Amino acid sequence: MLAHTGPDVLVTYERTGGFAGLDDRVTVDDSGTALVRDRKIMLRDDEMRGLRAALRRIVTTRSSPAGCQVADHFTYTLTYRGRRATRCRVPPDWRAAVERLDALLAR
């Protein structure tokens, strides 16, 4: 089974909280294998290209508590290129990557 950390991991995404108390995690490795809630999913080549392009646009690499004061908020954490950041509001530069990773959660 694909690990959530390691040298071959491209990105790890976590979405937690909300009214339902979600605890979702997606890990995508360099080969295009995603581990979604402990299920393996193979990304198509176009999906990997789109995800890599979205990740390259990320420049917000610091965590922030802004938006966390709201009851039942979601917390979003991205680990990419050796950096881990947690936000309660998705920064604009994260949006495309988060949407792609959320779509994997919906499969």
Protein backbone atom coordinates (compact mmCIF):
# COMPACT_ATOMS: atom_id res chain seq x y z
CA MET A 1 0.00 0.00 0.00
CA LEU A 2 1.20 3.49 -0.83
CA ALA A 3 2.43 5.41 2.21
CA HIS A 4 1.26 8.94 3.03
CA THR A 5 4.89 10.08 3.28
CA GLY A 6 8.11 9.20 1.52
CA PRO A 7 10.46 10.28 -1.25
CA ASP A 8 8.09 9.26 -4.05
CA VAL A 9 5.12 11.26 -2.67
CA LEU A 10 4.20 14.26 -4.83
CA VAL A 11 1.55 15.76 -2.56
CA THR A 12 -0.48 14.96 0.54
CA TYR A 13 -3.77 16.76 1.08
CA GLU A 14 -5.87 16.69 4.22
CA ARG A 15 -9.34 18.12 4.75
CA THR A 16 -10.70 17.94 8.26
CA GLY A 17 -13.56 19.37 10.28
CA GLY A 18 -16.88 20.71 9.15
CA PHE A 19 -20.26 19.85 10.62
CA ALA A 20 -19.73 16.13 9.94
CA GLY A 21 -16.22 16.07 11.41
CA LEU A 22 -14.53 14.91 8.20
CA ASP A 23 -11.03 13.48 8.27
CA ASP A 24 -10.10 13.03 4.59
CA ARG A 25 -6.64 12.41 3.20
CA VAL A 26 -5.30 12.07 -0.34
CA THR A 27 -1.73 11.19 -1.20
CA VAL A 28 -0.48 11.19 -4.79
CA ASP A 29 2.88 9.73 -5.71
CA ASP A 30 5.10 10.67 -8.64
CA SER A 31 3.85 7.74 -10.72
CA GLY A 32 0.21 8.90 -10.56
CA THR A 33 -1.05 6.49 -7.92
CA ALA A 34 -3.35 8.16 -5.41
CA LEU A 35 -4.22 6.80 -2.00
CA VAL A 36 -7.70 8.09 -1.20
CA ARG A 37 -9.15 7.01 2.15
CA ASP A 38 -6.92 3.92 1.91
CA ARG A 39 -8.13 3.09 -1.65
CA LYS A 40 -5.73 3.13 -4.59
CA ILE A 41 -6.73 5.19 -7.63
CA MET A 42 -4.66 5.54 -10.79
CA LEU A 43 -4.68 9.05 -12.24
CA ARG A 44 -4.77 9.43 -16.00
CA ASP A 45 -1.85 11.24 -17.64
CA ASP A 46 -3.96 14.37 -18.23
CA GLU A 47 -5.03 14.37 -14.55
CA MET A 48 -1.39 14.17 -13.43
CA ARG A 49 -0.37 16.98 -15.79
CA GLY A 50 -3.20 19.15 -14.48
CA LEU A 51 -2.37 18.39 -10.86
CA ARG A 52 1.34 19.11 -11.35
CA ALA A 53 0.52 22.41 -13.10
CA ALA A 54 -1.84 23.41 -10.28
CA LEU A 55 0.75 22.53 -7.64
CA ARG A 56 3.45 24.57 -9.41
CA ARG A 57 1.26 27.67 -9.02
CA ILE A 58 1.28 27.41 -5.22
CA VAL A 59 3.26 30.18 -3.56
CA THR A 60 1.45 30.34 -0.20
CA THR A 61 3.57 28.08 2.00
CA ARG A 62 2.79 29.33 5.49
CA SER A 63 0.01 28.21 7.78
CA SER A 64 -2.61 30.70 8.92
CA PRO A 65 -5.40 30.60 11.53
CA ALA A 66 -7.55 33.07 9.53
CA GLY A 67 -11.07 31.70 9.18
CA CYS A 68 -10.58 29.11 11.91
CA GLN A 69 -12.74 31.04 14.37
CA VAL A 70 -15.92 29.97 12.55
CA ALA A 71 -17.81 27.03 14.02
CA ASP A 72 -17.61 23.83 11.99
CA HIS A 73 -14.89 25.21 9.70
CA PHE A 74 -12.81 23.03 7.42
CA THR A 75 -9.06 22.86 7.83
CA TYR A 76 -7.00 22.26 4.69
CA THR A 77 -3.41 20.99 4.83
CA LEU A 78 -1.08 20.59 1.86
CA THR A 79 2.32 18.96 2.03
CA TYR A 80 4.26 19.64 -1.15
CA ARG A 81 7.96 20.05 -1.94
CA GLY A 82 8.90 19.43 1.67
CA ARG A 83 6.61 22.15 3.01
CA ARG A 84 3.46 21.64 5.04
CA ALA A 85 0.89 24.40 5.52
CA THR A 86 -2.54 24.43 7.12
CA ARG A 87 -5.28 26.93 6.30
CA CYS A 88 -8.97 27.36 7.13
CA ARG A 89 -9.53 29.48 4.04
CA VAL A 90 -8.19 28.13 0.78
CA PRO A 91 -5.77 30.69 -0.70
CA PRO A 92 -6.42 31.56 -4.36
CA ASP A 93 -3.16 29.91 -5.46
CA TRP A 94 -4.21 26.63 -3.76
CA ARG A 95 -7.70 26.56 -5.28
CA ALA A 96 -6.94 24.63 -8.50
CA ALA A 97 -4.94 21.96 -6.65
CA VAL A 98 -7.52 21.64 -3.87
CA GLU A 99 -10.33 21.28 -6.41
CA ARG A 100 -8.44 18.48 -8.17
CA LEU A 101 -7.68 16.72 -4.90
CA ASP A 102 -11.28 17.14 -3.68
CA ALA A 103 -12.42 15.53 -6.95
CA LEU A 104 -10.33 12.46 -6.07
CA LEU A 105 -12.12 12.31 -2.70
CA ALA A 106 -15.44 12.28 -4.57
CA ARG A 107 -14.56 9.22 -6.67
